[in-house]
PDB file of N, CA and C in Angstrom:
ATOM      1  N   UNK A   1       3.283  -9.547  -6.267  1.00  0.00           N
ATOM      2  CA  UNK A   1       3.260 -10.264  -5.597  1.00  0.00           C
ATOM      3  C   UNK A   1       2.662 -10.480  -4.085  1.00  0.00           C
ATOM      4  N   UNK A   2       2.649  -9.757  -3.452  1.00  0.00           N
ATOM      5  CA  UNK A   2       3.225 -10.622  -2.376  1.00  0.00           C
ATOM      6  C   UNK A   2       1.535 -11.150  -1.511  1.00  0.00           C
ATOM      7  N   UNK A   3       1.928 -11.590  -0.281  1.00  0.00           N
ATOM      8  CA  UNK A   3       1.292 -12.544   0.825  1.00  0.00           C
ATOM      9  C   UNK A   3       0.627 -11.878   2.014  1.00  0.00           C
ATOM     10  N   UNK A   4       0.151 -11.320   2.423  1.00  0.00           N
ATOM     11  CA  UNK A   4      -0.710 -10.938   4.170  1.00  0.00           C
ATOM     12  C   UNK A   4      -1.266 -11.605   4.853  1.00  0.00           C
ATOM     13  N   UNK A   5      -1.382 -11.620   5.378  1.00  0.00           N
ATOM     14  CA  UNK A   5      -2.099 -12.443   5.975  1.00  0.00           C
ATOM     15  C   UNK A   5      -2.815 -14.150   5.781  1.00  0.00           C
ATOM     16  N   UNK A   6      -2.202 -14.172   5.798  1.00  0.00           N
ATOM     17  CA  UNK A   6      -2.760 -15.871   4.256  1.00  0.00           C
ATOM     18  C   UNK A   6      -3.445 -14.486   3.149  1.00  0.00           C
ATOM     19  N   UNK A   7      -3.570 -13.690   3.542  1.00  0.00           N
ATOM     20  CA  UNK A   7      -4.609 -13.440   1.032  1.00  0.00           C
ATOM     21  C   UNK A   7      -3.146 -12.719   0.834  1.00  0.00           C
ATOM     22  N   UNK A   8      -3.946 -12.966  -0.306  1.00  0.00           N
ATOM     23  CA  UNK A   8      -1.949 -13.219  -1.854  1.00  0.00           C
ATOM     24  C   UNK A   8      -2.770 -11.841  -2.074  1.00  0.00           C
ATOM     25  N   UNK A   9      -2.401 -10.593  -2.474  1.00  0.00           N
ATOM     26  CA  UNK A   9      -2.010  -9.979  -3.535  1.00  0.00           C
ATOM     27  C   UNK A   9      -0.794  -8.925  -4.607  1.00  0.00           C
ATOM     28  N   UNK A  10      -1.653  -8.458  -4.809  1.00  0.00           N
ATOM     29  CA  UNK A  10      -1.519  -8.421  -6.898  1.00  0.00           C
ATOM     30  C   UNK A  10      -1.488  -6.859  -6.436  1.00  0.00           C
ATOM     31  N   UNK A  11       0.611  -6.372  -6.998  1.00  0.00           N
ATOM     32  CA  UNK A  11       0.793  -5.486  -7.774  1.00  0.00           C
ATOM     33  C   UNK A  11      -0.024  -4.672  -9.286  1.00  0.00           C
ATOM     34  N   UNK A  12       0.478  -3.824  -9.757  1.00  0.00           N
ATOM     35  CA  UNK A  12      -0.172  -3.747 -10.713  1.00  0.00           C
ATOM     36  C   UNK A  12      -0.526  -2.262 -11.472  1.00  0.00           C
ATOM     37  N   UNK A  13       0.883  -1.655 -11.683  1.00  0.00           N
ATOM     38  CA  UNK A  13       1.720  -0.383 -12.609  1.00  0.00           C
ATOM     39  C   UNK A  13       0.583  -0.016 -13.579  1.00  0.00           C
ATOM     40  N   UNK A  14       0.264   1.005 -13.477  1.00  0.00           N
ATOM     41  CA  UNK A  14      -0.821   1.777 -14.295  1.00  0.00           C
ATOM     42  C   UNK A  14      -0.362   3.054 -14.291  1.00  0.00           C
ATOM     43  N   UNK A  15      -1.186   3.425 -15.679  1.00  0.00           N
ATOM     44  CA  UNK A  15       0.219   4.986 -16.612  1.00  0.00           C
ATOM     45  C   UNK A  15      -1.705   6.250 -15.525  1.00  0.00           C
ATOM     46  N   UNK A  16      -2.560   5.337 -15.313  1.00  0.00           N
ATOM     47  CA  UNK A  16      -3.894   6.281 -14.917  1.00  0.00           C
ATOM     48  C   UNK A  16      -5.069   5.458 -13.746  1.00  0.00           C
ATOM     49  N   UNK A  17      -5.292   6.324 -12.420  1.00  0.00           N
ATOM     50  CA  UNK A  17      -5.497   5.625 -12.264  1.00  0.00           C
ATOM     51  C   UNK A  17      -7.083   6.468 -11.733  1.00  0.00           C
ATOM     52  N   UNK A  18      -8.411   5.084 -12.463  1.00  0.00           N
ATOM     53  CA  UNK A  18      -9.467   6.920 -12.648  1.00  0.00           C
ATOM     54  C   UNK A  18     -10.869   6.982 -10.630  1.00  0.00           C
ATOM     55  N   UNK A  19     -10.831   8.564 -10.519  1.00  0.00           N
ATOM     56  CA  UNK A  19     -11.379   8.485  -9.510  1.00  0.00           C
ATOM     57  C   UNK A  19     -12.463   9.588  -9.759  1.00  0.00           C
ATOM     58  N   UNK A  20     -13.741   9.020  -8.930  1.00  0.00           N
ATOM     59  CA  UNK A  20     -14.640  10.050  -8.678  1.00  0.00           C
ATOM     60  C   UNK A  20     -14.933  11.199  -8.433  1.00  0.00           C
ATOM     61  N   UNK A  21     -13.409  12.391  -7.754  1.00  0.00           N
ATOM     62  CA  UNK A  21     -13.595  13.179  -7.467  1.00  0.00           C
ATOM     63  C   UNK A  21     -12.840  14.311  -8.336  1.00  0.00           C
ATOM     64  N   UNK A  22     -12.197  14.065  -9.137  1.00  0.00           N
ATOM     65  CA  UNK A  22     -10.875  14.737  -9.447  1.00  0.00           C
ATOM     66  C   UNK A  22      -9.793  14.899  -8.779  1.00  0.00           C
ATOM     67  N   UNK A  23      -9.584  14.596  -8.367  1.00  0.00           N
ATOM     68  CA  UNK A  23      -8.257  14.221  -7.979  1.00  0.00           C
ATOM     69  C   UNK A  23      -7.658  13.709  -8.171  1.00  0.00           C
ATOM     70  N   UNK A  24      -5.672  13.887  -7.428  1.00  0.00           N
ATOM     71  CA  UNK A  24      -4.552  13.580  -8.475  1.00  0.00           C
ATOM     72  C   UNK A  24      -4.405  12.025  -7.372  1.00  0.00           C
ATOM     73  N   UNK A  25      -4.433  11.281  -7.610  1.00  0.00           N
ATOM     74  CA  UNK A  25      -4.558   9.710  -6.837  1.00  0.00           C
ATOM     75  C   UNK A  25      -3.346   9.214  -7.121  1.00  0.00           C
ATOM     76  N   UNK A  26      -2.348   8.973  -6.813  1.00  0.00           N
ATOM     77  CA  UNK A  26      -1.042   7.607  -6.672  1.00  0.00           C
ATOM     78  C   UNK A  26      -0.261   6.801  -7.099  1.00  0.00           C
ATOM     79  N   UNK A  27      -1.475   5.895  -5.523  1.00  0.00           N
ATOM     80  CA  UNK A  27      -1.999   4.500  -5.773  1.00  0.00           C
ATOM     81  C   UNK A  27      -2.984   4.021  -5.041  1.00  0.00           C
ATOM     82  N   UNK A  28      -3.507   3.052  -4.970  1.00  0.00           N
ATOM     83  CA  UNK A  28      -5.233   2.634  -4.752  1.00  0.00           C
ATOM     84  C   UNK A  28      -5.623   1.097  -4.667  1.00  0.00           C
ATOM     85  N   UNK A  29      -6.090   0.901  -3.437  1.00  0.00           N
ATOM     86  CA  UNK A  29      -6.258  -0.888  -2.715  1.00  0.00           C
ATOM     87  C   UNK A  29      -6.754  -0.850  -2.759  1.00  0.00           C
ATOM     88  N   UNK A  30      -7.691  -2.086  -3.511  1.00  0.00           N
ATOM     89  CA  UNK A  30      -8.950  -2.802  -4.027  1.00  0.00           C
ATOM     90  C   UNK A  30      -8.835  -4.003  -2.684  1.00  0.00           C
ATOM     91  N   UNK A  31      -9.332  -4.072  -1.997  1.00  0.00           N
ATOM     92  CA  UNK A  31      -9.425  -4.865  -1.053  1.00  0.00           C
ATOM     93  C   UNK A  31     -10.283  -6.552  -1.567  1.00  0.00           C
ATOM     94  N   UNK A  32     -11.758  -6.321  -2.237  1.00  0.00           N
ATOM     95  CA  UNK A  32     -11.995  -7.832  -2.623  1.00  0.00           C
ATOM     96  C   UNK A  32     -11.126  -7.786  -3.127  1.00  0.00           C
ATOM     97  N   UNK A  33     -10.534  -7.349  -4.039  1.00  0.00           N
ATOM     98  CA  UNK A  33     -10.329  -8.394  -5.596  1.00  0.00           C
ATOM     99  C   UNK A  33      -8.679  -8.423  -5.020  1.00  0.00           C
ATOM    100  N   UNK A  34      -8.450  -8.058  -4.171  1.00  0.00           N
ATOM    101  CA  UNK A  34      -6.291  -7.996  -3.611  1.00  0.00           C
ATOM    102  C   UNK A  34      -5.706  -8.171  -4.393  1.00  0.00           C
ATOM    103  N   UNK A  35      -5.976  -6.426  -5.141  1.00  0.00           N
ATOM    104  CA  UNK A  35      -4.916  -5.712  -5.579  1.00  0.00           C
ATOM    105  C   UNK A  35      -4.894  -4.471  -5.032  1.00  0.00           C
ATOM    106  N   UNK A  36      -3.244  -3.652  -5.901  1.00  0.00           N
ATOM    107  CA  UNK A  36      -2.994  -2.401  -5.338  1.00  0.00           C
ATOM    108  C   UNK A  36      -2.890  -1.991  -6.936  1.00  0.00           C
ATOM    109  N   UNK A  37      -3.706  -0.270  -6.648  1.00  0.00           N
ATOM    110  CA  UNK A  37      -2.690   0.365  -8.615  1.00  0.00           C
ATOM    111  C   UNK A  37      -1.692   0.446  -7.804  1.00  0.00           C
ATOM    112  N   UNK A  38      -0.044   1.091  -8.924  1.00  0.00           N
ATOM    113  CA  UNK A  38       0.882   2.051  -8.830  1.00  0.00           C
ATOM    114  C   UNK A  38       0.828   2.450  -9.618  1.00  0.00           C
ATOM    115  N   UNK A  39       0.427   4.605  -9.939  1.00  0.00           N
ATOM    116  CA  UNK A  39       0.540   5.175 -11.148  1.00  0.00           C
ATOM    117  C   UNK A  39       1.692   5.158 -11.392  1.00  0.00           C
ATOM    118  N   UNK A  40       2.412   4.636 -12.840  1.00  0.00           N
ATOM    119  CA  UNK A  40       3.646   5.160 -13.290  1.00  0.00           C
ATOM    120  C   UNK A  40       4.467   6.738 -12.979  1.00  0.00           C
ATOM    121  N   UNK A  41       5.260   6.129 -12.684  1.00  0.00           N
ATOM    122  CA  UNK A  41       5.595   7.945 -12.804  1.00  0.00           C
ATOM    123  C   UNK A  41       7.006   8.166 -11.784  1.00  0.00           C
ATOM    124  N   UNK A  42       7.650   9.439 -11.274  1.00  0.00           N
ATOM    125  CA  UNK A  42       8.842   9.064 -10.770  1.00  0.00           C
ATOM    126  C   UNK A  42       8.879   7.630 -10.319  1.00  0.00           C
ATOM    127  N   UNK A  43      10.300   7.441  -9.858  1.00  0.00           N
ATOM    128  CA  UNK A  43      10.705   5.845  -8.992  1.00  0.00           C
ATOM    129  C   UNK A  43      10.951   5.820  -7.220  1.00  0.00           C
ATOM    130  N   UNK A  44      10.994   7.374  -6.418  1.00  0.00           N
ATOM    131  CA  UNK A  44      11.340   7.642  -5.324  1.00  0.00           C
ATOM    132  C   UNK A  44       8.809   7.935  -5.109  1.00  0.00           C
ATOM    133  N   UNK A  45       8.322   8.426  -5.602  1.00  0.00           N
ATOM    134  CA  UNK A  45       6.765   8.595  -5.723  1.00  0.00           C
ATOM    135  C   UNK A  45       6.350   6.987  -5.606  1.00  0.00           C
ATOM    136  N   UNK A  46       6.597   6.580  -7.054  1.00  0.00           N
ATOM    137  CA  UNK A  46       6.495   4.834  -6.515  1.00  0.00           C
ATOM    138  C   UNK A  46       6.552   4.062  -5.888  1.00  0.00           C
ATOM    139  N   UNK A  47       7.842   4.108  -5.314  1.00  0.00           N
ATOM    140  CA  UNK A  47       7.786   3.591  -3.952  1.00  0.00           C
ATOM    141  C   UNK A  47       7.596   4.255  -1.904  1.00  0.00           C
ATOM    142  N   UNK A  48       6.667   5.293  -3.009  1.00  0.00           N
ATOM    143  CA  UNK A  48       6.298   5.749  -1.299  1.00  0.00           C
ATOM    144  C   UNK A  48       6.060   5.856  -1.217  1.00  0.00           C
ATOM    145  N   UNK A  49       4.642   5.324  -2.635  1.00  0.00           N
ATOM    146  CA  UNK A  49       2.874   5.076  -3.049  1.00  0.00           C
ATOM    147  C   UNK A  49       3.127   3.362  -2.133  1.00  0.00           C
ATOM    148  N   UNK A  50       3.553   3.001  -3.008  1.00  0.00           N
ATOM    149  CA  UNK A  50       3.256   1.760  -3.186  1.00  0.00           C
ATOM    150  C   UNK A  50       3.538   1.027  -1.116  1.00  0.00           C
ATOM    151  N   UNK A  51       4.916   2.011  -0.647  1.00  0.00           N
ATOM    152  CA  UNK A  51       4.562   1.814   1.290  1.00  0.00           C
ATOM    153  C   UNK A  51       3.424   2.623   1.560  1.00  0.00           C
ATOM    154  N   UNK A  52       3.182   3.663   0.999  1.00  0.00           N
ATOM    155  CA  UNK A  52       1.475   4.280   1.774  1.00  0.00           C
ATOM    156  C   UNK A  52       0.507   2.552   2.025  1.00  0.00           C
ATOM    157  N   UNK A  53       0.840   1.627   0.543  1.00  0.00           N
ATOM    158  CA  UNK A  53      -0.622   1.339   0.556  1.00  0.00           C
ATOM    159  C   UNK A  53      -0.515  -0.384   1.022  1.00  0.00           C
ATOM    160  N   UNK A  54       0.949  -0.123   1.049  1.00  0.00           N
ATOM    161  CA  UNK A  54       0.707  -2.111   1.584  1.00  0.00           C
ATOM    162  C   UNK A  54       0.962  -1.991   3.072  1.00  0.00           C
ATOM    163  N   UNK A  55       1.288  -0.018   3.880  1.00  0.00           N
ATOM    164  CA  UNK A  55      -0.092  -0.375   4.977  1.00  0.00           C
ATOM    165  C   UNK A  55      -1.363   0.573   5.765  1.00  0.00           C
ATOM    166  N   UNK A  56      -1.820   0.450   3.866  1.00  0.00           N
ATOM    167  CA  UNK A  56      -3.707   0.318   4.079  1.00  0.00           C
ATOM    168  C   UNK A  56      -3.757  -0.969   4.405  1.00  0.00           C
ATOM    169  N   UNK A  57      -3.676  -1.889   3.057  1.00  0.00           N
ATOM    170  CA  UNK A  57      -3.331  -2.737   3.699  1.00  0.00           C
ATOM    171  C   UNK A  57      -3.076  -4.411   4.543  1.00  0.00           C
ATOM    172  N   UNK A  58      -1.687  -4.303   5.566  1.00  0.00           N
ATOM    173  CA  UNK A  58      -1.625  -4.518   6.971  1.00  0.00           C
ATOM    174  C   UNK A  58      -2.284  -3.926   7.833  1.00  0.00           C
ATOM    175  N   UNK A  59      -2.870  -2.775   7.606  1.00  0.00           N
ATOM    176  CA  UNK A  59      -3.978  -2.368   8.736  1.00  0.00           C
ATOM    177  C   UNK A  59      -5.752  -3.065   8.628  1.00  0.00           C
ATOM    178  N   UNK A  60      -6.168  -3.376   7.456  1.00  0.00           N
ATOM    179  CA  UNK A  60      -6.974  -4.282   6.658  1.00  0.00           C
ATOM    180  C   UNK A  60      -7.115  -5.127   7.213  1.00  0.00           C
ATOM    181  N   UNK A  61      -5.632  -5.970   6.370  1.00  0.00           N
ATOM    182  CA  UNK A  61      -5.699  -7.334   7.425  1.00  0.00           C
ATOM    183  C   UNK A  61      -5.908  -7.750   8.644  1.00  0.00           C
ATOM    184  N   UNK A  62      -5.037  -6.826   9.412  1.00  0.00           N
ATOM    185  CA  UNK A  62      -4.923  -7.090  10.339  1.00  0.00           C
ATOM    186  C   UNK A  62      -6.493  -7.172  10.864  1.00  0.00           C
ATOM    187  N   UNK A  63      -7.074  -6.619  10.894  1.00  0.00           N
ATOM    188  CA  UNK A  63      -8.159  -5.446  11.792  1.00  0.00           C
ATOM    189  C   UNK A  63      -8.558  -4.249  11.762  1.00  0.00           C
ATOM    190  N   UNK A  64      -7.793  -3.263  11.256  1.00  0.00           N
ATOM    191  CA  UNK A  64      -8.030  -1.885  11.935  1.00  0.00           C
ATOM    192  C   UNK A  64      -8.321  -1.493  11.197  1.00  0.00           C
ATOM    193  N   UNK A  65      -9.812  -1.336  10.605  1.00  0.00           N
ATOM    194  CA  UNK A  65     -10.530  -0.458   9.949  1.00  0.00           C
ATOM    195  C   UNK A  65     -10.740   0.558   9.603  1.00  0.00           C
ATOM    196  N   UNK A  66     -10.309   1.105   8.858  1.00  0.00           N
ATOM    197  CA  UNK A  66      -9.541   3.117   8.338  1.00  0.00           C
ATOM    198  C   UNK A  66     -11.238   4.049   8.877  1.00  0.00           C
ATOM    199  N   UNK A  67     -12.019   3.518   8.377  1.00  0.00           N
ATOM    200  CA  UNK A  67     -13.090   3.954   8.438  1.00  0.00           C
ATOM    201  C   UNK A  67     -14.037   4.303   9.643  1.00  0.00           C
ATOM    202  N   UNK A  68     -13.604   2.978  11.095  1.00  0.00           N
ATOM    203  CA  UNK A  68     -13.970   2.628  11.874  1.00  0.00           C
ATOM    204  C   UNK A  68     -13.911   2.910  13.014  1.00  0.00           C
ATOM    205  N   UNK A  69     -12.510   3.719  12.463  1.00  0.00           N
ATOM    206  CA  UNK A  69     -12.004   4.370  13.967  1.00  0.00           C
ATOM    207  C   UNK A  69     -11.019   5.612  13.769  1.00  0.00           C
ATOM    208  N   UNK A  70     -10.401   6.359  14.383  1.00  0.00           N
ATOM    209  CA  UNK A  70      -9.699   6.621  14.731  1.00  0.00           C
ATOM    210  C   UNK A  70      -8.581   6.472  14.766  1.00  0.00           C
ATOM    211  N   UNK A  71      -7.043   7.164  14.289  1.00  0.00           N
ATOM    212  CA  UNK A  71      -6.099   6.576  15.311  1.00  0.00           C
ATOM    213  C   UNK A  71      -5.593   7.579  16.018  1.00  0.00           C
ATOM    214  N   UNK A  72      -5.691   7.035  16.992  1.00  0.00           N
ATOM    215  CA  UNK A  72      -4.580   8.675  17.949  1.00  0.00           C
ATOM    216  C   UNK A  72      -2.871   8.471  17.530  1.00  0.00           C
ATOM    217  N   UNK A  73      -1.592   9.418  18.277  1.00  0.00           N
ATOM    218  CA  UNK A  73      -1.058   9.443  18.201  1.00  0.00           C
ATOM    219  C   UNK A  73       0.049   7.640  18.462  1.00  0.00           C
ATOM    220  N   UNK A  74      -0.537   7.392  19.637  1.00  0.00           N
ATOM    221  CA  UNK A  74      -0.121   6.424  20.545  1.00  0.00           C
ATOM    222  C   UNK A  74      -0.228   5.550  19.780  1.00  0.00           C
ATOM    223  N   UNK A  75      -1.935   4.867  18.884  1.00  0.00           N
ATOM    224  CA  UNK A  75      -2.101   3.589  17.570  1.00  0.00           C
ATOM    225  C   UNK A  75      -1.410   3.811  16.850  1.00  0.00           C
ATOM    226  N   UNK A  76      -1.054   4.824  16.208  1.00  0.00           N
ATOM    227  CA  UNK A  76       0.046   5.647  15.344  1.00  0.00           C
ATOM    228  C   UNK A  76       1.781   4.824  15.668  1.00  0.00           C
ATOM    229  N   UNK A  77       1.658   5.172  16.522  1.00  0.00           N
ATOM    230  CA  UNK A  77       3.057   4.474  16.752  1.00  0.00           C
ATOM    231  C   UNK A  77       3.438   3.185  16.501  1.00  0.00           C
ATOM    232  N   UNK A  78       2.720   2.356  16.852  1.00  0.00           N
ATOM    233  CA  UNK A  78       2.086   0.713  17.595  1.00  0.00           C
ATOM    234  C   UNK A  78       1.489   0.027  16.633  1.00  0.00           C
ATOM    235  N   UNK A  79       0.454   0.729  15.055  1.00  0.00           N
ATOM    236  CA  UNK A  79       1.070   0.419  14.119  1.00  0.00           C
ATOM    237  C   UNK A  79       2.466   0.835  13.592  1.00  0.00           C
ATOM    238  N   UNK A  80       3.037   1.840  13.208  1.00  0.00           N
ATOM    239  CA  UNK A  80       4.532   1.488  12.407  1.00  0.00           C
ATOM    240  C   UNK A  80       5.598   1.026  12.997  1.00  0.00           C
ATOM    241  N   UNK A  81       4.947   0.024  14.746  1.00  0.00           N
ATOM    242  CA  UNK A  81       6.189  -0.258  15.604  1.00  0.00           C
ATOM    243  C   UNK A  81       5.938  -1.572  14.382  1.00  0.00           C
ATOM    244  N   UNK A  82       4.730  -2.070  14.774  1.00  0.00           N
ATOM    245  CA  UNK A  82       4.578  -3.597  14.909  1.00  0.00           C
ATOM    246  C   UNK A  82       4.811  -3.771  12.842  1.00  0.00           C
ATOM    247  N   UNK A  83       4.342  -2.955  12.116  1.00  0.00           N
ATOM    248  CA  UNK A  83       4.239  -3.437  10.688  1.00  0.00           C
ATOM    249  C   UNK A  83       5.633  -3.167   9.689  1.00  0.00           C
ATOM    250  N   UNK A  84       6.863  -1.973  10.978  1.00  0.00           N
ATOM    251  CA  UNK A  84       7.450  -0.912   9.865  1.00  0.00           C
ATOM    252  C   UNK A  84       8.369  -3.165   9.364  1.00  0.00           C
ATOM    253  N   UNK A  85       8.762  -3.608  10.381  1.00  0.00           N
ATOM    254  CA  UNK A  85       9.629  -4.139   9.894  1.00  0.00           C
ATOM    255  C   UNK A  85       8.900  -5.377   8.679  1.00  0.00           C
ATOM    256  N   UNK A  86       7.734  -5.831   7.929  1.00  0.00           N
ATOM    257  CA  UNK A  86       6.946  -6.147   7.733  1.00  0.00           C
ATOM    258  C   UNK A  86       6.701  -6.111   5.954  1.00  0.00           C
ATOM    259  N   UNK A  87       6.789  -4.038   6.419  1.00  0.00           N
ATOM    260  CA  UNK A  87       6.607  -3.069   5.088  1.00  0.00           C
ATOM    261  C   UNK A  87       8.277  -2.611   4.175  1.00  0.00           C
ATOM    262  N   UNK A  88       9.404  -1.888   4.734  1.00  0.00           N
ATOM    263  CA  UNK A  88      10.413  -2.327   4.596  1.00  0.00           C
ATOM    264  C   UNK A  88      10.680  -3.783   4.239  1.00  0.00           C
ATOM    265  N   UNK A  89      10.489  -5.043   4.090  1.00  0.00           N
ATOM    266  CA  UNK A  89      11.421  -6.156   3.603  1.00  0.00           C
ATOM    267  C   UNK A  89      10.609  -5.339   2.311  1.00  0.00           C
ATOM    268  N   UNK A  90       8.541  -5.625   2.019  1.00  0.00           N
ATOM    269  CA  UNK A  90       8.436  -5.930   1.060  1.00  0.00           C
ATOM    270  C   UNK A  90       8.872  -5.038   0.456  1.00  0.00           C
ATOM    271  N   UNK A  91       8.574  -3.487   0.652  1.00  0.00           N
ATOM    272  CA  UNK A  91       9.284  -2.646   0.397  1.00  0.00           C
ATOM    273  C   UNK A  91      10.621  -2.405  -0.700  1.00  0.00           C
ATOM    274  N   UNK A  92      11.638  -2.923  -0.146  1.00  0.00           N
ATOM    275  CA  UNK A  92      12.986  -3.377   0.261  1.00  0.00           C
ATOM    276  C   UNK A  92      12.926  -4.262  -1.229  1.00  0.00           C
ATOM    277  N   UNK A  93      12.529  -5.299  -1.642  1.00  0.00           N
ATOM    278  CA  UNK A  93      12.519  -6.608  -2.500  1.00  0.00           C
ATOM    279  C   UNK A  93      11.936  -5.944  -4.336  1.00  0.00           C
ATOM    280  N   UNK A  94      10.620  -5.055  -3.591  1.00  0.00           N
ATOM    281  CA  UNK A  94      10.266  -4.260  -4.423  1.00  0.00           C
ATOM    282  C   UNK A  94      10.973  -3.618  -5.698  1.00  0.00           C
ATOM    283  N   UNK A  95      11.928  -2.442  -4.968  1.00  0.00           N
ATOM    284  CA  UNK A  95      12.457  -1.509  -5.640  1.00  0.00           C
ATOM    285  C   UNK A  95      14.032  -2.979  -6.061  1.00  0.00           C
ATOM    286  N   UNK A  96      13.650  -3.490  -6.332  1.00  0.00           N
ATOM    287  CA  UNK A  96      14.772  -4.374  -6.971  1.00  0.00           C
ATOM    288  C   UNK A  96      14.271  -5.309  -7.848  1.00  0.00           C
ATOM    289  N   UNK A  97      12.567  -5.739  -7.789  1.00  0.00           N
ATOM    290  CA  UNK A  97      12.026  -5.950  -8.614  1.00  0.00           C
ATOM    291  C   UNK A  97      11.766  -5.464  -9.926  1.00  0.00           C
ATOM    292  N   UNK A  98      11.752  -3.833  -9.008  1.00  0.00           N
ATOM    293  CA  UNK A  98      10.415  -3.599 -10.410  1.00  0.00           C
ATOM    294  C   UNK A  98      10.695  -2.617 -10.704  1.00  0.00           C
ATOM    295  N   UNK A  99      10.108  -2.311 -12.724  1.00  0.00           N
ATOM    296  CA  UNK A  99      11.250  -1.849 -13.741  1.00  0.00           C
ATOM    297  C   UNK A  99       9.621  -1.022 -14.185  1.00  0.00           C
ATOM    298  N   UNK A 100      10.156   0.315 -13.317  1.00  0.00           N
ATOM    299  CA  UNK A 100      10.575   1.872 -13.387  1.00  0.00           C
ATOM    300  C   UNK A 100       9.444   2.258 -14.456  1.00  0.00           C
ATOM    301  N   UNK A 101       9.559   1.325 -16.043  1.00  0.00           N
ATOM    302  CA  UNK A 101       9.891   2.090 -17.459  1.00  0.00           C
ATOM    303  C   UNK A 101       9.421   1.321 -18.234  1.00  0.00           C
TER     304      UNK A 101
END
């Protein structure tokens, strides 16, 4: 579990993530339920997926709704610069505490 912008999210490891498009999904964030699901797999892939989903959460919680605009290179650089410390600390904490099997 973690908190961002006064909103608590729960993280779940799962064997399968359901999707409508029959594509491989490694992670999924549900903003309404404040949950993240990460598909069980290689630890390095799970960590990258967790990092990816955290950035989705960071964008959402700070008002950058991904379906409302396209992000320029400058936007992406600013987002990475602003979120890097938070995301890195959270991923490091998760990496040390998670059981991958």
